[in-house]
């Protein structure tokens, strides 16, 4: 119980991450449907920051912070626990997406089922490895999940040496160097190389190093040095990688400031042990919220967008997000735990 109380800041931070992702995606949907404008929302999602990716960076900092269990378990037990946590709720979200967005419940159901939810895409998505099969994510938020599996694989490979501070530091340095090279290649050739993958691996390594420093195993001084190196390397990485825009309207400064804010939030919550009960509750539901929020608000929009204004529609969307998330958590995620 004392350990759980000690780590309440992490659940609160998870809640913040989930709310940032919901805020970003819901605002972009409301803006697209109703054509409304809001300077603060635009600042937080498109102009200067990307609230959704701030949330994602938070999740990967915390992924590294809690991946310490890889050292205590056999690879089989670790992966069984990881898959049990990730897959059932994920499969439930796919079923909900098909049922509520790709069937007769939706006026555009036949079109969506044909173009987005092809059987080939559905089969690939059920493996959570759709990016390797070159298939589209059924829901946009799924892009982070294969990356999480790869990062867990990295920690599994090095599990026997994760108590060695120099090994973890070397792994961090190699990942930063690889990210710089990939960013340079992306910027030079204007090819959409997945720079997000090594960037999120860096955040996970920093999360892991922080946990080891909190436990008194690693040096606190070196922890701050690694964070400083990350921020310094982040500037050339983002400038090189995002010096041209794709369909996501990327700009280097938006990615730079986004990762900086995610880093500051992780450090702040960790060092100050920030915990607020309502946000901690959201944190408990964060994985279900992350997976089901798009189903919730898209279904609400398809039902009521022609009869409700933007403000009331936003409230209805939040209610639907909460309903889908509670059902997913209580009916699947909590039972599997």
C-alpha atoms as a PDB file:
ATOM      1  CA  UNK A   1       0.000   0.000   0.000  1.00  0.00           C
ATOM      2  CA  UNK A   2       2.858   2.401   0.786  1.00  0.00           C
ATOM      3  CA  UNK A   3       4.439   1.691  -2.611  1.00  0.00           C
ATOM      4  CA  UNK A   4       1.074   2.261  -4.343  1.00  0.00           C
ATOM      5  CA  UNK A   5       0.664   5.577  -2.509  1.00  0.00           C
ATOM      6  CA  UNK A   6       4.205   6.530  -3.467  1.00  0.00           C
ATOM      7  CA  UNK A   7       3.477   6.004  -7.155  1.00  0.00           C
ATOM      8  CA  UNK A   8       0.135   7.821  -7.270  1.00  0.00           C
ATOM      9  CA  UNK A   9       1.869  10.649  -9.127  1.00  0.00           C
ATOM     10  CA  UNK A  10       2.365   8.239 -12.039  1.00  0.00           C
ATOM     11  CA  UNK A  11      -1.349   7.409 -12.234  1.00  0.00           C
ATOM     12  CA  UNK A  12      -2.150  11.126 -12.104  1.00  0.00           C
ATOM     13  CA  UNK A  13       0.325  11.743 -14.897  1.00  0.00           C
ATOM     14  CA  UNK A  14      -1.281   8.929 -16.901  1.00  0.00           C
ATOM     15  CA  UNK A  15      -4.582  10.706 -16.429  1.00  0.00           C
ATOM     16  CA  UNK A  16      -3.081  13.950 -17.734  1.00  0.00           C
ATOM     17  CA  UNK A  17      -1.690  12.069 -20.748  1.00  0.00           C
ATOM     18  CA  UNK A  18      -5.071  10.496 -21.526  1.00  0.00           C
ATOM     19  CA  UNK A  19      -6.887  13.837 -21.205  1.00  0.00           C
ATOM     20  CA  UNK A  20      -4.368  15.523 -23.522  1.00  0.00           C
ATOM     21  CA  UNK A  21      -4.907  12.846 -26.180  1.00  0.00           C
ATOM     22  CA  UNK A  22      -8.697  13.156 -25.872  1.00  0.00           C
ATOM     23  CA  UNK A  23      -8.520  16.958 -25.976  1.00  0.00           C
ATOM     24  CA  UNK A  24      -6.405  16.937 -29.131  1.00  0.00           C
ATOM     25  CA  UNK A  25      -8.424  14.427 -31.129  1.00  0.00           C
ATOM     26  CA  UNK A  26     -11.832  15.687 -30.019  1.00  0.00           C
ATOM     27  CA  UNK A  27     -10.990  19.310 -30.762  1.00  0.00           C
ATOM     28  CA  UNK A  28      -9.720  18.438 -34.253  1.00  0.00           C
ATOM     29  CA  UNK A  29     -12.928  16.473 -34.919  1.00  0.00           C
ATOM     30  CA  UNK A  30     -15.197  19.273 -33.660  1.00  0.00           C
ATOM     31  CA  UNK A  31     -13.222  21.811 -35.677  1.00  0.00           C
ATOM     32  CA  UNK A  32     -13.524  19.729 -38.840  1.00  0.00           C
ATOM     33  CA  UNK A  33     -17.255  19.084 -38.459  1.00  0.00           C
ATOM     34  CA  UNK A  34     -18.374  22.547 -37.306  1.00  0.00           C
ATOM     35  CA  UNK A  35     -15.635  24.794 -38.661  1.00  0.00           C
ATOM     36  CA  UNK A  36     -15.211  26.515 -35.296  1.00  0.00           C
ATOM     37  CA  UNK A  37     -12.029  28.336 -34.319  1.00  0.00           C
ATOM     38  CA  UNK A  38     -10.390  28.772 -30.920  1.00  0.00           C
ATOM     39  CA  UNK A  39      -6.928  30.279 -30.531  1.00  0.00           C
ATOM     40  CA  UNK A  40      -6.054  28.304 -27.378  1.00  0.00           C
ATOM     41  CA  UNK A  41      -7.152  24.974 -28.856  1.00  0.00           C
ATOM     42  CA  UNK A  42      -5.268  25.709 -32.068  1.00  0.00           C
ATOM     43  CA  UNK A  43      -2.175  26.649 -30.039  1.00  0.00           C
ATOM     44  CA  UNK A  44      -2.386  23.344 -28.149  1.00  0.00           C
ATOM     45  CA  UNK A  45      -3.018  21.099 -31.151  1.00  0.00           C
ATOM     46  CA  UNK A  46      -1.646  22.527 -34.392  1.00  0.00           C
ATOM     47  CA  UNK A  47       0.105  25.891 -34.135  1.00  0.00           C
ATOM     48  CA  UNK A  48       2.753  25.461 -31.435  1.00  0.00           C
ATOM     49  CA  UNK A  49       2.087  22.239 -29.509  1.00  0.00           C
ATOM     50  CA  UNK A  50       0.595  18.825 -30.219  1.00  0.00           C
ATOM     51  CA  UNK A  51      -1.334  17.869 -27.084  1.00  0.00           C
ATOM     52  CA  UNK A  52      -1.852  14.330 -28.346  1.00  0.00           C
ATOM     53  CA  UNK A  53       1.851  13.677 -28.734  1.00  0.00           C
ATOM     54  CA  UNK A  54       2.543  15.252 -25.344  1.00  0.00           C
ATOM     55  CA  UNK A  55       0.238  12.576 -23.970  1.00  0.00           C
ATOM     56  CA  UNK A  56       1.992   9.861 -25.977  1.00  0.00           C
ATOM     57  CA  UNK A  57       5.441  10.960 -24.757  1.00  0.00           C
ATOM     58  CA  UNK A  58       4.116  10.803 -21.177  1.00  0.00           C
ATOM     59  CA  UNK A  59       2.925   7.238 -21.728  1.00  0.00           C
ATOM     60  CA  UNK A  60       6.352   6.160 -22.978  1.00  0.00           C
ATOM     61  CA  UNK A  61       8.202   7.852 -20.109  1.00  0.00           C
ATOM     62  CA  UNK A  62       5.955   5.839 -17.792  1.00  0.00           C
ATOM     63  CA  UNK A  63       6.399   2.695 -19.879  1.00  0.00           C
ATOM     64  CA  UNK A  64      10.131   2.880 -19.171  1.00  0.00           C
ATOM     65  CA  UNK A  65       9.549   3.786 -15.540  1.00  0.00           C
ATOM     66  CA  UNK A  66       7.511   0.633 -14.914  1.00  0.00           C
ATOM     67  CA  UNK A  67       9.313  -1.788 -17.237  1.00  0.00           C
ATOM     68  CA  UNK A  68      11.640  -2.685 -14.338  1.00  0.00           C
ATOM     69  CA  UNK A  69       9.580  -5.857 -13.949  1.00  0.00           C
ATOM     70  CA  UNK A  70      11.452  -7.230 -16.964  1.00  0.00           C
ATOM     71  CA  UNK A  71      14.456  -7.803 -14.674  1.00  0.00           C
ATOM     72  CA  UNK A  72      12.479  -9.746 -12.087  1.00  0.00           C
ATOM     73  CA  UNK A  73      10.610 -12.126 -14.371  1.00  0.00           C
ATOM     74  CA  UNK A  74      11.483 -14.636 -17.038  1.00  0.00           C
ATOM     75  CA  UNK A  75      10.932 -13.357 -20.587  1.00  0.00           C
ATOM     76  CA  UNK A  76       7.964 -15.719 -20.881  1.00  0.00           C
ATOM     77  CA  UNK A  77       6.286 -14.377 -17.725  1.00  0.00           C
ATOM     78  CA  UNK A  78       7.084 -10.774 -18.635  1.00  0.00           C
ATOM     79  CA  UNK A  79       5.586 -11.074 -22.113  1.00  0.00           C
ATOM     80  CA  UNK A  80       2.589 -13.015 -20.894  1.00  0.00           C
ATOM     81  CA  UNK A  81       1.829 -10.207 -18.437  1.00  0.00           C
ATOM     82  CA  UNK A  82       2.463  -7.550 -21.062  1.00  0.00           C
ATOM     83  CA  UNK A  83       0.250  -9.224 -23.673  1.00  0.00           C
ATOM     84  CA  UNK A  84      -2.481  -9.862 -21.104  1.00  0.00           C
ATOM     85  CA  UNK A  85      -2.473  -6.160 -20.280  1.00  0.00           C
ATOM     86  CA  UNK A  86      -2.375  -4.912 -23.872  1.00  0.00           C
ATOM     87  CA  UNK A  87      -4.323  -7.272 -26.109  1.00  0.00           C
ATOM     88  CA  UNK A  88      -7.799  -7.998 -24.628  1.00  0.00           C
ATOM     89  CA  UNK A  89      -8.819  -4.343 -24.277  1.00  0.00           C
ATOM     90  CA  UNK A  90      -7.226  -3.609 -27.639  1.00  0.00           C
ATOM     91  CA  UNK A  91      -9.242  -6.379 -29.313  1.00  0.00           C
ATOM     92  CA  UNK A  92     -12.374  -5.050 -27.626  1.00  0.00           C
ATOM     93  CA  UNK A  93     -11.674  -1.596 -29.097  1.00  0.00           C
ATOM     94  CA  UNK A  94     -11.332  -3.097 -32.590  1.00  0.00           C
ATOM     95  CA  UNK A  95     -14.661  -4.887 -32.205  1.00  0.00           C
ATOM     96  CA  UNK A  96     -16.280  -1.640 -31.021  1.00  0.00           C
ATOM     97  CA  UNK A  97     -14.776   0.293 -33.934  1.00  0.00           C
ATOM     98  CA  UNK A  98     -16.182  -2.196 -36.427  1.00  0.00           C
ATOM     99  CA  UNK A  99     -19.553  -2.449 -34.672  1.00  0.00           C
ATOM    100  CA  UNK A 100     -20.166   1.260 -34.092  1.00  0.00           C
ATOM    101  CA  UNK A 101     -18.271   2.933 -36.928  1.00  0.00           C
ATOM    102  CA  UNK A 102     -18.259   0.383 -39.737  1.00  0.00           C
ATOM    103  CA  UNK A 103     -21.741  -1.136 -39.772  1.00  0.00           C
ATOM    104  CA  UNK A 104     -25.357  -0.120 -40.151  1.00  0.00           C
ATOM    105  CA  UNK A 105     -25.008   2.006 -37.003  1.00  0.00           C
ATOM    106  CA  UNK A 106     -23.189   4.457 -39.265  1.00  0.00           C
ATOM    107  CA  UNK A 107     -24.742   6.126 -42.304  1.00  0.00           C
ATOM    108  CA  UNK A 108     -21.372   5.699 -44.011  1.00  0.00           C
ATOM    109  CA  UNK A 109     -20.959   2.147 -42.753  1.00  0.00           C
ATOM    110  CA  UNK A 110     -20.639   0.333 -46.087  1.00  0.00           C
ATOM    111  CA  UNK A 111     -18.124   2.832 -47.435  1.00  0.00           C
ATOM    112  CA  UNK A 112     -16.020   2.701 -44.262  1.00  0.00           C
ATOM    113  CA  UNK A 113     -16.100  -1.086 -44.090  1.00  0.00           C
ATOM    114  CA  UNK A 114     -14.856  -1.300 -47.666  1.00  0.00           C
ATOM    115  CA  UNK A 115     -12.146   1.370 -47.579  1.00  0.00           C
ATOM    116  CA  UNK A 116     -10.864   1.344 -44.012  1.00  0.00           C
ATOM    117  CA  UNK A 117     -11.948  -1.883 -42.384  1.00  0.00           C
ATOM    118  CA  UNK A 118     -10.946  -4.367 -45.067  1.00  0.00           C
ATOM    119  CA  UNK A 119     -10.676  -7.921 -43.788  1.00  0.00           C
ATOM    120  CA  UNK A 120      -6.951  -7.851 -44.496  1.00  0.00           C
ATOM    121  CA  UNK A 121      -6.562  -4.717 -42.380  1.00  0.00           C
ATOM    122  CA  UNK A 122      -8.691  -6.168 -39.594  1.00  0.00           C
ATOM    123  CA  UNK A 123      -6.620  -9.367 -39.483  1.00  0.00           C
ATOM    124  CA  UNK A 124      -3.365  -7.379 -39.398  1.00  0.00           C
ATOM    125  CA  UNK A 125      -4.695  -5.069 -36.691  1.00  0.00           C
ATOM    126  CA  UNK A 126      -5.650  -7.976 -34.473  1.00  0.00           C
ATOM    127  CA  UNK A 127      -1.966  -8.905 -34.293  1.00  0.00           C
ATOM    128  CA  UNK A 128      -1.062  -5.332 -33.209  1.00  0.00           C
ATOM    129  CA  UNK A 129       1.725  -5.538 -35.816  1.00  0.00           C
ATOM    130  CA  UNK A 130      -0.163  -3.888 -38.682  1.00  0.00           C
ATOM    131  CA  UNK A 131       2.679  -1.472 -39.442  1.00  0.00           C
ATOM    132  CA  UNK A 132       4.888  -4.425 -40.367  1.00  0.00           C
ATOM    133  CA  UNK A 133       2.190  -5.776 -42.679  1.00  0.00           C
ATOM    134  CA  UNK A 134       1.868  -2.286 -44.214  1.00  0.00           C
ATOM    135  CA  UNK A 135      -1.782  -2.091 -43.268  1.00  0.00           C
ATOM    136  CA  UNK A 136      -3.675   0.954 -42.060  1.00  0.00           C
ATOM    137  CA  UNK A 137      -4.480   1.368 -38.359  1.00  0.00           C
ATOM    138  CA  UNK A 138      -8.213   0.878 -37.827  1.00  0.00           C
ATOM    139  CA  UNK A 139      -8.026   3.685 -35.265  1.00  0.00           C
ATOM    140  CA  UNK A 140      -5.352   6.366 -35.500  1.00  0.00           C
ATOM    141  CA  UNK A 141      -4.174   5.923 -31.911  1.00  0.00           C
ATOM    142  CA  UNK A 142      -3.042   2.338 -32.635  1.00  0.00           C
ATOM    143  CA  UNK A 143       0.246   3.562 -34.147  1.00  0.00           C
ATOM    144  CA  UNK A 144       1.909   3.682 -30.711  1.00  0.00           C
ATOM    145  CA  UNK A 145       1.176   0.075 -29.751  1.00  0.00           C
ATOM    146  CA  UNK A 146       3.631  -1.728 -32.081  1.00  0.00           C
ATOM    147  CA  UNK A 147       6.260   0.773 -30.921  1.00  0.00           C
ATOM    148  CA  UNK A 148       5.580  -0.173 -27.309  1.00  0.00           C
ATOM    149  CA  UNK A 149       6.050  -3.848 -28.204  1.00  0.00           C
ATOM    150  CA  UNK A 150       9.380  -3.069 -29.905  1.00  0.00           C
ATOM    151  CA  UNK A 151      10.595  -1.043 -26.916  1.00  0.00           C
ATOM    152  CA  UNK A 152       9.616  -3.850 -24.549  1.00  0.00           C
ATOM    153  CA  UNK A 153      11.581  -6.159 -26.840  1.00  0.00           C
ATOM    154  CA  UNK A 154      14.621  -3.891 -26.454  1.00  0.00           C
ATOM    155  CA  UNK A 155      14.362  -4.049 -22.675  1.00  0.00           C
ATOM    156  CA  UNK A 156      13.945  -7.826 -22.845  1.00  0.00           C
ATOM    157  CA  UNK A 157      17.121  -8.233 -24.906  1.00  0.00           C
ATOM    158  CA  UNK A 158      19.143  -6.200 -22.376  1.00  0.00           C
ATOM    159  CA  UNK A 159      17.289  -7.415 -19.263  1.00  0.00           C
ATOM    160  CA  UNK A 160      20.356  -9.091 -17.715  1.00  0.00           C
ATOM    161  CA  UNK A 161      22.389  -5.879 -17.895  1.00  0.00           C
ATOM    162  CA  UNK A 162      19.763  -3.320 -16.956  1.00  0.00           C
ATOM    163  CA  UNK A 163      21.238  -2.953 -13.465  1.00  0.00           C
ATOM    164  CA  UNK A 164      24.441  -1.625 -15.015  1.00  0.00           C
ATOM    165  CA  UNK A 165      24.293   2.167 -15.217  1.00  0.00           C
ATOM    166  CA  UNK A 166      26.974   2.324 -17.911  1.00  0.00           C
ATOM    167  CA  UNK A 167      25.127  -0.170 -20.110  1.00  0.00           C
ATOM    168  CA  UNK A 168      21.883   1.795 -19.894  1.00  0.00           C
ATOM    169  CA  UNK A 169      23.789   5.036 -20.556  1.00  0.00           C
ATOM    170  CA  UNK A 170      25.452   3.444 -23.589  1.00  0.00           C
ATOM    171  CA  UNK A 171      22.101   2.212 -24.878  1.00  0.00           C
ATOM    172  CA  UNK A 172      20.713   5.721 -24.451  1.00  0.00           C
ATOM    173  CA  UNK A 173      23.678   7.244 -26.331  1.00  0.00           C
ATOM    174  CA  UNK A 174      23.341   4.746 -29.194  1.00  0.00           C
ATOM    175  CA  UNK A 175      19.613   5.424 -29.484  1.00  0.00           C
ATOM    176  CA  UNK A 176      20.179   9.191 -29.562  1.00  0.00           C
ATOM    177  CA  UNK A 177      22.844   8.754 -32.259  1.00  0.00           C
ATOM    178  CA  UNK A 178      20.553   6.500 -34.296  1.00  0.00           C
ATOM    179  CA  UNK A 179      17.747   9.051 -34.004  1.00  0.00           C
ATOM    180  CA  UNK A 180      20.019  11.837 -35.244  1.00  0.00           C
ATOM    181  CA  UNK A 181      21.073   9.733 -38.236  1.00  0.00           C
ATOM    182  CA  UNK A 182      17.494   8.786 -39.064  1.00  0.00           C
ATOM    183  CA  UNK A 183      16.381  12.411 -38.727  1.00  0.00           C
ATOM    184  CA  UNK A 184      19.184  13.533 -41.056  1.00  0.00           C
ATOM    185  CA  UNK A 185      18.232  10.895 -43.633  1.00  0.00           C
ATOM    186  CA  UNK A 186      14.556  11.818 -43.397  1.00  0.00           C
ATOM    187  CA  UNK A 187      15.269  15.522 -43.831  1.00  0.00           C
ATOM    188  CA  UNK A 188      17.762  15.047 -46.657  1.00  0.00           C
ATOM    189  CA  UNK A 189      15.740  12.572 -48.700  1.00  0.00           C
ATOM    190  CA  UNK A 190      12.272  13.809 -47.676  1.00  0.00           C
ATOM    191  CA  UNK A 191      11.311  10.236 -46.890  1.00  0.00           C
ATOM    192  CA  UNK A 192       8.890   9.523 -44.053  1.00  0.00           C
ATOM    193  CA  UNK A 193      11.235   7.500 -41.890  1.00  0.00           C
ATOM    194  CA  UNK A 194       9.697   6.591 -38.473  1.00  0.00           C
ATOM    195  CA  UNK A 195      11.719   8.999 -36.298  1.00  0.00           C
ATOM    196  CA  UNK A 196       9.009   8.727 -33.636  1.00  0.00           C
ATOM    197  CA  UNK A 197      10.108   5.163 -32.895  1.00  0.00           C
ATOM    198  CA  UNK A 198      13.648   5.946 -31.623  1.00  0.00           C
ATOM    199  CA  UNK A 199      12.401   9.196 -30.028  1.00  0.00           C
ATOM    200  CA  UNK A 200       9.915   7.247 -27.936  1.00  0.00           C
ATOM    201  CA  UNK A 201      12.609   4.664 -27.168  1.00  0.00           C
ATOM    202  CA  UNK A 202      14.716   7.518 -25.758  1.00  0.00           C
ATOM    203  CA  UNK A 203      11.845   8.677 -23.538  1.00  0.00           C
ATOM    204  CA  UNK A 204      11.372   5.102 -22.292  1.00  0.00           C
ATOM    205  CA  UNK A 205      15.065   4.822 -21.460  1.00  0.00           C
ATOM    206  CA  UNK A 206      14.886   8.120 -19.578  1.00  0.00           C
ATOM    207  CA  UNK A 207      11.842   6.832 -17.705  1.00  0.00           C
ATOM    208  CA  UNK A 208      13.731   3.669 -16.793  1.00  0.00           C
ATOM    209  CA  UNK A 209      16.827   5.616 -15.683  1.00  0.00           C
ATOM    210  CA  UNK A 210      14.600   7.829 -13.527  1.00  0.00           C
ATOM    211  CA  UNK A 211      13.079   4.789 -11.813  1.00  0.00           C
ATOM    212  CA  UNK A 212      16.531   3.378 -11.086  1.00  0.00           C
ATOM    213  CA  UNK A 213      17.653   6.759  -9.729  1.00  0.00           C
ATOM    214  CA  UNK A 214      14.509   6.940  -7.568  1.00  0.00           C
ATOM    215  CA  UNK A 215      15.379   3.493  -6.206  1.00  0.00           C
ATOM    216  CA  UNK A 216      18.911   4.656  -5.412  1.00  0.00           C
ATOM    217  CA  UNK A 217      20.555   2.311  -7.931  1.00  0.00           C
ATOM    218  CA  UNK A 218      21.629   4.868 -10.545  1.00  0.00           C
ATOM    219  CA  UNK A 219      23.196   8.301 -10.140  1.00  0.00           C
ATOM    220  CA  UNK A 220      20.805  11.236  -9.910  1.00  0.00           C
ATOM    221  CA  UNK A 221      23.485  13.477 -11.390  1.00  0.00           C
ATOM    222  CA  UNK A 222      23.791  11.284 -14.470  1.00  0.00           C
ATOM    223  CA  UNK A 223      20.026  11.235 -14.796  1.00  0.00           C
ATOM    224  CA  UNK A 224      19.994  15.021 -15.187  1.00  0.00           C
ATOM    225  CA  UNK A 225      22.873  14.841 -17.662  1.00  0.00           C
ATOM    226  CA  UNK A 226      20.907  12.384 -19.816  1.00  0.00           C
ATOM    227  CA  UNK A 227      17.841  14.619 -19.747  1.00  0.00           C
ATOM    228  CA  UNK A 228      20.002  17.585 -20.779  1.00  0.00           C
ATOM    229  CA  UNK A 229      21.534  15.579 -23.620  1.00  0.00           C
ATOM    230  CA  UNK A 230      18.044  14.612 -24.803  1.00  0.00           C
ATOM    231  CA  UNK A 231      16.814  18.217 -24.916  1.00  0.00           C
ATOM    232  CA  UNK A 232      19.991  19.363 -26.687  1.00  0.00           C
ATOM    233  CA  UNK A 233      19.736  16.541 -29.237  1.00  0.00           C
ATOM    234  CA  UNK A 234      16.019  17.137 -29.674  1.00  0.00           C
ATOM    235  CA  UNK A 235      16.582  20.455 -31.449  1.00  0.00           C
ATOM    236  CA  UNK A 236      18.642  19.099 -34.393  1.00  0.00           C
ATOM    237  CA  UNK A 237      16.498  15.941 -34.498  1.00  0.00           C
ATOM    238  CA  UNK A 238      13.264  17.885 -34.936  1.00  0.00           C
ATOM    239  CA  UNK A 239      14.798  20.483 -37.273  1.00  0.00           C
ATOM    240  CA  UNK A 240      16.156  17.786 -39.597  1.00  0.00           C
ATOM    241  CA  UNK A 241      13.275  15.328 -39.384  1.00  0.00           C
ATOM    242  CA  UNK A 242      10.399  17.757 -39.649  1.00  0.00           C
ATOM    243  CA  UNK A 243      11.709  20.361 -42.076  1.00  0.00           C
ATOM    244  CA  UNK A 244       9.027  19.289 -44.542  1.00  0.00           C
ATOM    245  CA  UNK A 245       5.326  18.715 -43.936  1.00  0.00           C
ATOM    246  CA  UNK A 246       3.367  15.553 -44.624  1.00  0.00           C
ATOM    247  CA  UNK A 247      -0.361  15.022 -44.191  1.00  0.00           C
ATOM    248  CA  UNK A 248       0.089  15.745 -40.464  1.00  0.00           C
ATOM    249  CA  UNK A 249       1.189  19.363 -41.108  1.00  0.00           C
ATOM    250  CA  UNK A 250       4.411  18.792 -39.196  1.00  0.00           C
ATOM    251  CA  UNK A 251       6.688  21.653 -38.183  1.00  0.00           C
ATOM    252  CA  UNK A 252       9.951  21.186 -36.340  1.00  0.00           C
ATOM    253  CA  UNK A 253       9.174  23.668 -33.560  1.00  0.00           C
ATOM    254  CA  UNK A 254       5.826  22.020 -32.777  1.00  0.00           C
ATOM    255  CA  UNK A 255       7.566  18.676 -32.235  1.00  0.00           C
ATOM    256  CA  UNK A 256      10.431  20.273 -30.314  1.00  0.00           C
ATOM    257  CA  UNK A 257       8.175  22.104 -27.867  1.00  0.00           C
ATOM    258  CA  UNK A 258       5.828  19.109 -27.613  1.00  0.00           C
ATOM    259  CA  UNK A 259       8.566  16.720 -26.440  1.00  0.00           C
ATOM    260  CA  UNK A 260       9.970  19.414 -24.135  1.00  0.00           C
ATOM    261  CA  UNK A 261       6.588  19.851 -22.453  1.00  0.00           C
ATOM    262  CA  UNK A 262       6.151  16.078 -22.104  1.00  0.00           C
ATOM    263  CA  UNK A 263       9.597  15.861 -20.513  1.00  0.00           C
ATOM    264  CA  UNK A 264       8.891  18.713 -18.086  1.00  0.00           C
ATOM    265  CA  UNK A 265       5.568  17.164 -17.064  1.00  0.00           C
ATOM    266  CA  UNK A 266       7.220  13.813 -16.363  1.00  0.00           C
ATOM    267  CA  UNK A 267      10.023  15.407 -14.317  1.00  0.00           C
ATOM    268  CA  UNK A 268       7.620  17.691 -12.459  1.00  0.00           C
ATOM    269  CA  UNK A 269       5.139  14.993 -11.474  1.00  0.00           C
ATOM    270  CA  UNK A 270       7.977  12.645 -10.505  1.00  0.00           C
ATOM    271  CA  UNK A 271      10.015  15.065  -8.398  1.00  0.00           C
ATOM    272  CA  UNK A 272       7.045  16.848  -6.790  1.00  0.00           C
ATOM    273  CA  UNK A 273       4.923  13.670  -6.392  1.00  0.00           C
ATOM    274  CA  UNK A 274       1.945  15.502  -7.878  1.00  0.00           C
ATOM    275  CA  UNK A 275      -1.247  13.506  -7.339  1.00  0.00           C
ATOM    276  CA  UNK A 276      -4.847  14.701  -7.597  1.00  0.00           C
ATOM    277  CA  UNK A 277      -7.565  12.117  -6.973  1.00  0.00           C
ATOM    278  CA  UNK A 278      -9.891  12.944  -9.932  1.00  0.00           C
ATOM    279  CA  UNK A 279      -6.967  12.817 -12.375  1.00  0.00           C
ATOM    280  CA  UNK A 280      -5.684   9.643 -10.722  1.00  0.00           C
ATOM    281  CA  UNK A 281      -9.081   8.033 -11.402  1.00  0.00           C
ATOM    282  CA  UNK A 282      -8.739   8.998 -15.062  1.00  0.00           C
ATOM    283  CA  UNK A 283      -5.248   7.506 -14.953  1.00  0.00           C
ATOM    284  CA  UNK A 284      -6.693   4.187 -13.805  1.00  0.00           C
ATOM    285  CA  UNK A 285      -8.885   4.195 -16.921  1.00  0.00           C
ATOM    286  CA  UNK A 286      -6.202   5.695 -19.190  1.00  0.00           C
ATOM    287  CA  UNK A 287      -5.564   2.670 -21.438  1.00  0.00           C
ATOM    288  CA  UNK A 288      -9.284   2.171 -22.079  1.00  0.00           C
ATOM    289  CA  UNK A 289      -9.718   5.910 -22.625  1.00  0.00           C
ATOM    290  CA  UNK A 290      -6.812   5.929 -25.072  1.00  0.00           C
ATOM    291  CA  UNK A 291      -8.179   3.025 -27.113  1.00  0.00           C
ATOM    292  CA  UNK A 292     -11.896   3.876 -27.032  1.00  0.00           C
ATOM    293  CA  UNK A 293     -12.065   7.672 -27.112  1.00  0.00           C
ATOM    294  CA  UNK A 294     -12.152   7.892 -30.908  1.00  0.00           C
ATOM    295  CA  UNK A 295     -14.930   5.304 -31.071  1.00  0.00           C
ATOM    296  CA  UNK A 296     -16.925   7.271 -28.504  1.00  0.00           C
ATOM    297  CA  UNK A 297     -16.753  10.704 -30.060  1.00  0.00           C
ATOM    298  CA  UNK A 298     -17.006   9.512 -33.667  1.00  0.00           C
ATOM    299  CA  UNK A 299     -20.117   7.495 -32.858  1.00  0.00           C
ATOM    300  CA  UNK A 300     -21.631  10.497 -31.053  1.00  0.00           C
ATOM    301  CA  UNK A 301     -20.846  12.776 -33.998  1.00  0.00           C
ATOM    302  CA  UNK A 302     -22.457  10.379 -36.457  1.00  0.00           C
ATOM    303  CA  UNK A 303     -25.618  10.269 -34.324  1.00  0.00           C
ATOM    304  CA  UNK A 304     -26.053  13.921 -33.340  1.00  0.00           C
ATOM    305  CA  UNK A 305     -23.876  16.249 -35.450  1.00  0.00           C
ATOM    306  CA  UNK A 306     -26.873  17.480 -37.479  1.00  0.00           C
ATOM    307  CA  UNK A 307     -29.017  18.247 -34.443  1.00  0.00           C
ATOM    308  CA  UNK A 308     -26.587  19.717 -31.894  1.00  0.00           C
ATOM    309  CA  UNK A 309     -24.314  22.764 -31.830  1.00  0.00           C
ATOM    310  CA  UNK A 310     -20.572  22.538 -31.298  1.00  0.00           C
ATOM    311  CA  UNK A 311     -20.616  23.255 -27.536  1.00  0.00           C
ATOM    312  CA  UNK A 312     -23.362  20.764 -26.677  1.00  0.00           C
ATOM    313  CA  UNK A 313     -21.898  18.241 -29.108  1.00  0.00           C
ATOM    314  CA  UNK A 314     -18.573  18.436 -27.248  1.00  0.00           C
ATOM    315  CA  UNK A 315     -20.312  17.545 -23.973  1.00  0.00           C
ATOM    316  CA  UNK A 316     -22.163  14.651 -25.610  1.00  0.00           C
ATOM    317  CA  UNK A 317     -18.903  13.385 -27.109  1.00  0.00           C
ATOM    318  CA  UNK A 318     -17.250  13.427 -23.672  1.00  0.00           C
ATOM    319  CA  UNK A 319     -20.175  11.466 -22.243  1.00  0.00           C
ATOM    320  CA  UNK A 320     -19.859   8.841 -24.985  1.00  0.00           C
ATOM    321  CA  UNK A 321     -16.090   8.638 -24.447  1.00  0.00           C
ATOM    322  CA  UNK A 322     -16.670   8.060 -20.739  1.00  0.00           C
ATOM    323  CA  UNK A 323     -19.312   5.388 -21.407  1.00  0.00           C
ATOM    324  CA  UNK A 324     -17.173   3.407 -23.849  1.00  0.00           C
ATOM    325  CA  UNK A 325     -14.109   3.717 -21.595  1.00  0.00           C
ATOM    326  CA  UNK A 326     -15.938   2.578 -18.453  1.00  0.00           C
ATOM    327  CA  UNK A 327     -17.412  -0.430 -20.267  1.00  0.00           C
ATOM    328  CA  UNK A 328     -13.975  -1.359 -21.641  1.00  0.00           C
ATOM    329  CA  UNK A 329     -12.248  -0.989 -18.281  1.00  0.00           C
ATOM    330  CA  UNK A 330     -14.873  -2.632 -16.087  1.00  0.00           C
ATOM    331  CA  UNK A 331     -15.851  -5.316 -18.579  1.00  0.00           C
ATOM    332  CA  UNK A 332     -12.444  -6.270 -19.980  1.00  0.00           C
ATOM    333  CA  UNK A 333      -9.336  -4.560 -18.617  1.00  0.00           C
ATOM    334  CA  UNK A 334     -10.149  -4.831 -14.898  1.00  0.00           C
ATOM    335  CA  UNK A 335     -11.292  -8.435 -15.210  1.00  0.00           C
ATOM    336  CA  UNK A 336      -8.110  -9.474 -17.041  1.00  0.00           C
ATOM    337  CA  UNK A 337      -5.952  -7.861 -14.343  1.00  0.00           C
END
